[in-house]
């Protein structure tokens, strides 16, 4: 695989991960406001919403400007999900057979 495509996929993955973290911060603040937090996100909900908007915007911009990596990203995510669930299924069978 071309190094540029690998770097672009890494960028997409980072944007997607940070977007998920921003969404999780908003959900946890709403569902469990009394949770002990050793690190607090300042200016909630402004920073998480801005993080979602900026990362989403960069991903959408990249989809239009980058060719191959924009097509490969959904495939890369699908392969990751398959590996994750296969691993979970295998380990759950081990736990249930004990």
N, C-alpha and C. Protein backbone atom coordinates (compact mmCIF):
# COMPACT_ATOMS: atom_id res chain seq x y z
N UNK A 1 0.85 -1.18 0.00
CA UNK A 1 0.00 0.00 0.00
C UNK A 1 0.89 1.24 0.00
N UNK A 2 0.47 2.24 -0.70
CA UNK A 2 1.19 3.50 -0.78
C UNK A 2 1.22 4.18 0.60
N UNK A 3 2.34 4.77 0.94
CA UNK A 3 2.50 5.43 2.23
C UNK A 3 1.51 6.59 2.39
N UNK A 4 1.24 7.33 1.33
CA UNK A 4 0.29 8.44 1.41
C UNK A 4 -1.11 7.96 1.73
N UNK A 5 -1.52 6.84 1.13
CA UNK A 5 -2.85 6.29 1.42
C UNK A 5 -2.91 5.82 2.86
N UNK A 6 -1.84 5.18 3.35
CA UNK A 6 -1.80 4.75 4.75
C UNK A 6 -1.91 5.93 5.70
N UNK A 7 -1.22 7.02 5.40
CA UNK A 7 -1.27 8.21 6.24
C UNK A 7 -2.67 8.82 6.22
N UNK A 8 -3.31 8.85 5.05
CA UNK A 8 -4.67 9.39 4.95
C UNK A 8 -5.66 8.53 5.72
N UNK A 9 -5.50 7.21 5.67
CA UNK A 9 -6.36 6.32 6.45
C UNK A 9 -6.16 6.54 7.95
N UNK A 10 -4.93 6.79 8.33
CA UNK A 10 -4.64 7.08 9.74
C UNK A 10 -5.33 8.39 10.15
N UNK A 11 -5.32 9.38 9.28
CA UNK A 11 -6.01 10.64 9.55
C UNK A 11 -7.52 10.42 9.72
N UNK A 12 -8.11 9.66 8.80
CA UNK A 12 -9.53 9.36 8.89
C UNK A 12 -9.85 8.66 10.20
N UNK A 13 -9.01 7.68 10.56
CA UNK A 13 -9.24 6.94 11.81
C UNK A 13 -9.15 7.83 13.03
N UNK A 14 -8.20 8.75 13.02
CA UNK A 14 -8.06 9.68 14.15
C UNK A 14 -9.26 10.61 14.25
N UNK A 15 -9.71 11.13 13.12
CA UNK A 15 -10.89 11.99 13.12
C UNK A 15 -12.12 11.23 13.63
N UNK A 16 -12.30 10.01 13.16
CA UNK A 16 -13.45 9.20 13.58
C UNK A 16 -13.38 8.89 15.08
N UNK A 17 -12.21 8.53 15.56
CA UNK A 17 -12.05 8.22 16.99
C UNK A 17 -12.32 9.44 17.86
N UNK A 18 -11.79 10.59 17.47
CA UNK A 18 -12.00 11.79 18.26
C UNK A 18 -13.47 12.20 18.25
N UNK A 19 -14.13 12.00 17.13
CA UNK A 19 -15.57 12.29 17.06
C UNK A 19 -16.35 11.40 18.02
N UNK A 20 -16.00 10.12 18.07
CA UNK A 20 -16.66 9.19 19.00
C UNK A 20 -16.40 9.60 20.45
N UNK A 21 -15.18 10.03 20.76
CA UNK A 21 -14.87 10.48 22.12
C UNK A 21 -15.69 11.71 22.48
N UNK A 22 -15.81 12.67 21.56
CA UNK A 22 -16.61 13.87 21.83
C UNK A 22 -18.08 13.52 22.07
N UNK A 23 -18.60 12.60 21.29
CA UNK A 23 -19.99 12.16 21.49
C UNK A 23 -20.14 11.47 22.84
N UNK A 24 -19.16 10.63 23.20
CA UNK A 24 -19.21 9.93 24.48
C UNK A 24 -19.16 10.90 25.66
N UNK A 25 -18.38 11.97 25.55
CA UNK A 25 -18.32 12.97 26.62
C UNK A 25 -19.70 13.60 26.82
N UNK A 26 -20.35 13.95 25.73
CA UNK A 26 -21.69 14.54 25.84
C UNK A 26 -22.69 13.57 26.46
N UNK A 27 -22.65 12.32 26.03
CA UNK A 27 -23.59 11.32 26.55
C UNK A 27 -23.34 11.07 28.03
N UNK A 28 -22.08 10.89 28.42
CA UNK A 28 -21.78 10.61 29.83
C UNK A 28 -22.13 11.80 30.73
N UNK A 29 -21.91 13.00 30.25
CA UNK A 29 -22.29 14.18 31.06
C UNK A 29 -23.79 14.23 31.29
N UNK A 30 -24.56 13.79 30.32
CA UNK A 30 -26.01 13.83 30.43
C UNK A 30 -26.55 12.66 31.26
N UNK A 31 -26.03 11.44 31.01
CA UNK A 31 -26.57 10.24 31.66
C UNK A 31 -26.04 10.04 33.07
N UNK A 32 -24.80 10.44 33.33
CA UNK A 32 -24.20 10.19 34.64
C UNK A 32 -23.45 11.43 35.13
N UNK A 33 -24.19 12.47 35.50
CA UNK A 33 -23.52 13.73 35.88
C UNK A 33 -22.76 13.65 37.20
N UNK A 34 -23.07 12.66 38.05
CA UNK A 34 -22.41 12.55 39.36
C UNK A 34 -21.16 11.67 39.34
N UNK A 35 -20.78 11.16 38.19
CA UNK A 35 -19.62 10.28 38.08
C UNK A 35 -18.35 11.03 38.49
N UNK A 36 -17.47 10.33 39.23
CA UNK A 36 -16.19 10.93 39.62
C UNK A 36 -15.31 11.03 38.37
N UNK A 37 -14.82 12.23 38.11
CA UNK A 37 -14.01 12.48 36.92
C UNK A 37 -12.66 13.08 37.33
N UNK A 38 -11.58 12.30 37.17
CA UNK A 38 -10.27 12.86 37.50
C UNK A 38 -9.85 13.95 36.52
N UNK A 39 -10.36 13.89 35.30
CA UNK A 39 -10.08 14.92 34.30
C UNK A 39 -11.41 15.47 33.81
N UNK A 40 -11.56 16.76 33.86
CA UNK A 40 -12.81 17.38 33.42
C UNK A 40 -12.58 18.14 32.12
N UNK A 41 -13.50 17.96 31.17
CA UNK A 41 -13.43 18.67 29.91
C UNK A 41 -13.96 20.09 30.13
N UNK A 42 -13.18 21.10 29.80
CA UNK A 42 -13.66 22.47 30.01
C UNK A 42 -14.71 22.86 28.96
N UNK A 43 -15.55 23.77 29.35
CA UNK A 43 -16.55 24.37 28.46
C UNK A 43 -17.46 23.34 27.78
N UNK A 44 -17.90 22.34 28.57
CA UNK A 44 -18.88 21.37 28.04
C UNK A 44 -20.21 22.07 27.97
N UNK A 45 -20.97 21.99 26.94
CA UNK A 45 -20.88 21.16 25.74
C UNK A 45 -20.21 21.85 24.55
N UNK A 46 -19.65 23.05 24.73
CA UNK A 46 -19.09 23.78 23.59
C UNK A 46 -17.93 23.03 22.94
N UNK A 47 -16.92 22.60 23.72
CA UNK A 47 -15.75 21.95 23.14
C UNK A 47 -16.09 20.63 22.46
N UNK A 48 -16.88 19.74 23.09
CA UNK A 48 -17.22 18.50 22.38
C UNK A 48 -18.01 18.75 21.09
N UNK A 49 -18.93 19.70 21.10
CA UNK A 49 -19.70 19.99 19.89
C UNK A 49 -18.78 20.55 18.80
N UNK A 50 -17.89 21.45 19.18
CA UNK A 50 -16.92 21.98 18.20
C UNK A 50 -16.01 20.87 17.67
N UNK A 51 -15.61 19.96 18.55
CA UNK A 51 -14.79 18.83 18.11
C UNK A 51 -15.52 17.96 17.10
N UNK A 52 -16.79 17.70 17.34
CA UNK A 52 -17.60 16.91 16.40
C UNK A 52 -17.73 17.64 15.07
N UNK A 53 -18.01 18.92 15.12
CA UNK A 53 -18.19 19.70 13.89
C UNK A 53 -16.90 19.80 13.08
N UNK A 54 -15.79 20.11 13.75
CA UNK A 54 -14.53 20.25 13.03
C UNK A 54 -14.03 18.93 12.46
N UNK A 55 -14.08 17.87 13.26
CA UNK A 55 -13.62 16.57 12.75
C UNK A 55 -14.54 16.07 11.65
N UNK A 56 -15.84 16.24 11.82
CA UNK A 56 -16.77 15.86 10.76
C UNK A 56 -16.53 16.65 9.49
N UNK A 57 -16.29 17.94 9.65
CA UNK A 57 -16.01 18.79 8.49
C UNK A 57 -14.72 18.38 7.79
N UNK A 58 -13.68 18.08 8.57
CA UNK A 58 -12.43 17.64 7.96
C UNK A 58 -12.60 16.30 7.25
N UNK A 59 -13.40 15.41 7.81
CA UNK A 59 -13.64 14.12 7.15
C UNK A 59 -14.42 14.31 5.85
N UNK A 60 -15.42 15.17 5.87
CA UNK A 60 -16.20 15.42 4.66
C UNK A 60 -15.33 16.10 3.60
N UNK A 61 -14.53 17.07 4.01
CA UNK A 61 -13.62 17.74 3.07
C UNK A 61 -12.65 16.72 2.46
N UNK A 62 -12.12 15.84 3.30
CA UNK A 62 -11.18 14.83 2.82
C UNK A 62 -11.84 13.85 1.86
N UNK A 63 -13.11 13.53 2.09
CA UNK A 63 -13.81 12.63 1.18
C UNK A 63 -13.85 13.19 -0.24
N UNK A 64 -13.97 14.50 -0.35
CA UNK A 64 -14.05 15.12 -1.67
C UNK A 64 -12.68 15.38 -2.29
N UNK A 65 -11.65 15.56 -1.48
CA UNK A 65 -10.34 15.90 -2.04
C UNK A 65 -9.43 14.69 -2.20
N UNK A 66 -9.64 13.65 -1.41
CA UNK A 66 -8.81 12.46 -1.50
C UNK A 66 -9.57 11.37 -2.23
N UNK A 67 -8.91 10.66 -3.08
CA UNK A 67 -9.60 9.66 -3.88
C UNK A 67 -9.62 8.28 -3.24
N UNK A 68 -8.49 7.61 -3.27
CA UNK A 68 -8.42 6.20 -2.88
C UNK A 68 -8.71 5.98 -1.40
N UNK A 69 -8.13 6.80 -0.54
CA UNK A 69 -8.31 6.58 0.89
C UNK A 69 -9.75 6.82 1.33
N UNK A 70 -10.45 7.71 0.66
CA UNK A 70 -11.86 7.95 1.00
C UNK A 70 -12.70 6.73 0.68
N UNK A 71 -12.34 5.99 -0.34
CA UNK A 71 -13.06 4.77 -0.69
C UNK A 71 -12.65 3.62 0.24
N UNK A 72 -11.38 3.59 0.63
CA UNK A 72 -10.88 2.50 1.47
C UNK A 72 -11.30 2.63 2.94
N UNK A 73 -11.60 3.84 3.40
CA UNK A 73 -11.92 4.02 4.82
C UNK A 73 -13.11 3.18 5.27
N UNK A 74 -14.25 3.19 4.58
CA UNK A 74 -15.36 2.33 5.02
C UNK A 74 -14.97 0.85 5.03
N UNK A 75 -14.17 0.43 4.07
CA UNK A 75 -13.71 -0.96 4.04
C UNK A 75 -12.81 -1.24 5.24
N UNK A 76 -11.95 -0.31 5.57
CA UNK A 76 -11.05 -0.44 6.71
C UNK A 76 -11.84 -0.55 8.01
N UNK A 77 -12.88 0.27 8.15
CA UNK A 77 -13.74 0.22 9.34
C UNK A 77 -14.46 -1.12 9.41
N UNK A 78 -14.98 -1.60 8.28
CA UNK A 78 -15.69 -2.87 8.24
C UNK A 78 -14.78 -4.03 8.63
N UNK A 79 -13.56 -4.04 8.14
CA UNK A 79 -12.61 -5.08 8.52
C UNK A 79 -12.33 -5.02 10.02
N UNK A 80 -12.16 -3.83 10.56
CA UNK A 80 -11.93 -3.68 12.00
C UNK A 80 -13.09 -4.18 12.82
N UNK A 81 -14.31 -3.90 12.39
CA UNK A 81 -15.50 -4.37 13.11
C UNK A 81 -15.59 -5.89 13.07
N UNK A 82 -15.29 -6.48 11.91
CA UNK A 82 -15.32 -7.94 11.79
C UNK A 82 -14.29 -8.58 12.72
N UNK A 83 -13.09 -8.05 12.75
CA UNK A 83 -12.05 -8.58 13.65
C UNK A 83 -12.47 -8.43 15.10
N UNK A 84 -13.02 -7.29 15.46
CA UNK A 84 -13.45 -7.04 16.84
C UNK A 84 -14.51 -8.05 17.27
N UNK A 85 -15.55 -8.22 16.46
CA UNK A 85 -16.63 -9.13 16.85
C UNK A 85 -16.20 -10.58 16.80
N UNK A 86 -15.30 -10.95 15.88
CA UNK A 86 -14.78 -12.31 15.85
C UNK A 86 -13.98 -12.59 17.13
N UNK A 87 -13.18 -11.64 17.55
CA UNK A 87 -12.41 -11.79 18.79
C UNK A 87 -13.34 -11.90 20.00
N UNK A 88 -14.36 -11.05 20.05
CA UNK A 88 -15.32 -11.10 21.17
C UNK A 88 -16.05 -12.43 21.19
N UNK A 89 -16.48 -12.90 20.03
CA UNK A 89 -17.21 -14.16 19.95
C UNK A 89 -16.34 -15.31 20.42
N UNK A 90 -15.08 -15.33 20.00
CA UNK A 90 -14.16 -16.38 20.40
C UNK A 90 -13.94 -16.38 21.90
N UNK A 91 -13.71 -15.20 22.49
CA UNK A 91 -13.46 -15.12 23.93
C UNK A 91 -14.72 -15.39 24.76
N UNK A 92 -15.89 -15.01 24.27
CA UNK A 92 -17.12 -15.30 24.99
C UNK A 92 -17.39 -16.81 25.04
N UNK A 93 -17.03 -17.50 23.97
CA UNK A 93 -17.20 -18.96 23.96
C UNK A 93 -16.29 -19.60 24.99
N UNK A 94 -15.07 -19.09 25.14
CA UNK A 94 -14.15 -19.61 26.15
C UNK A 94 -14.69 -19.41 27.56
N UNK A 95 -15.25 -18.22 27.81
CA UNK A 95 -15.79 -17.89 29.14
C UNK A 95 -17.00 -18.75 29.43
N UNK A 96 -17.88 -18.95 28.47
CA UNK A 96 -19.10 -19.72 28.68
C UNK A 96 -18.85 -21.21 28.80
N UNK A 97 -17.74 -21.72 28.29
CA UNK A 97 -17.44 -23.14 28.37
C UNK A 97 -16.74 -23.52 29.67
N UNK A 98 -16.36 -22.57 30.47
CA UNK A 98 -15.67 -22.88 31.74
C UNK A 98 -16.64 -23.31 32.79
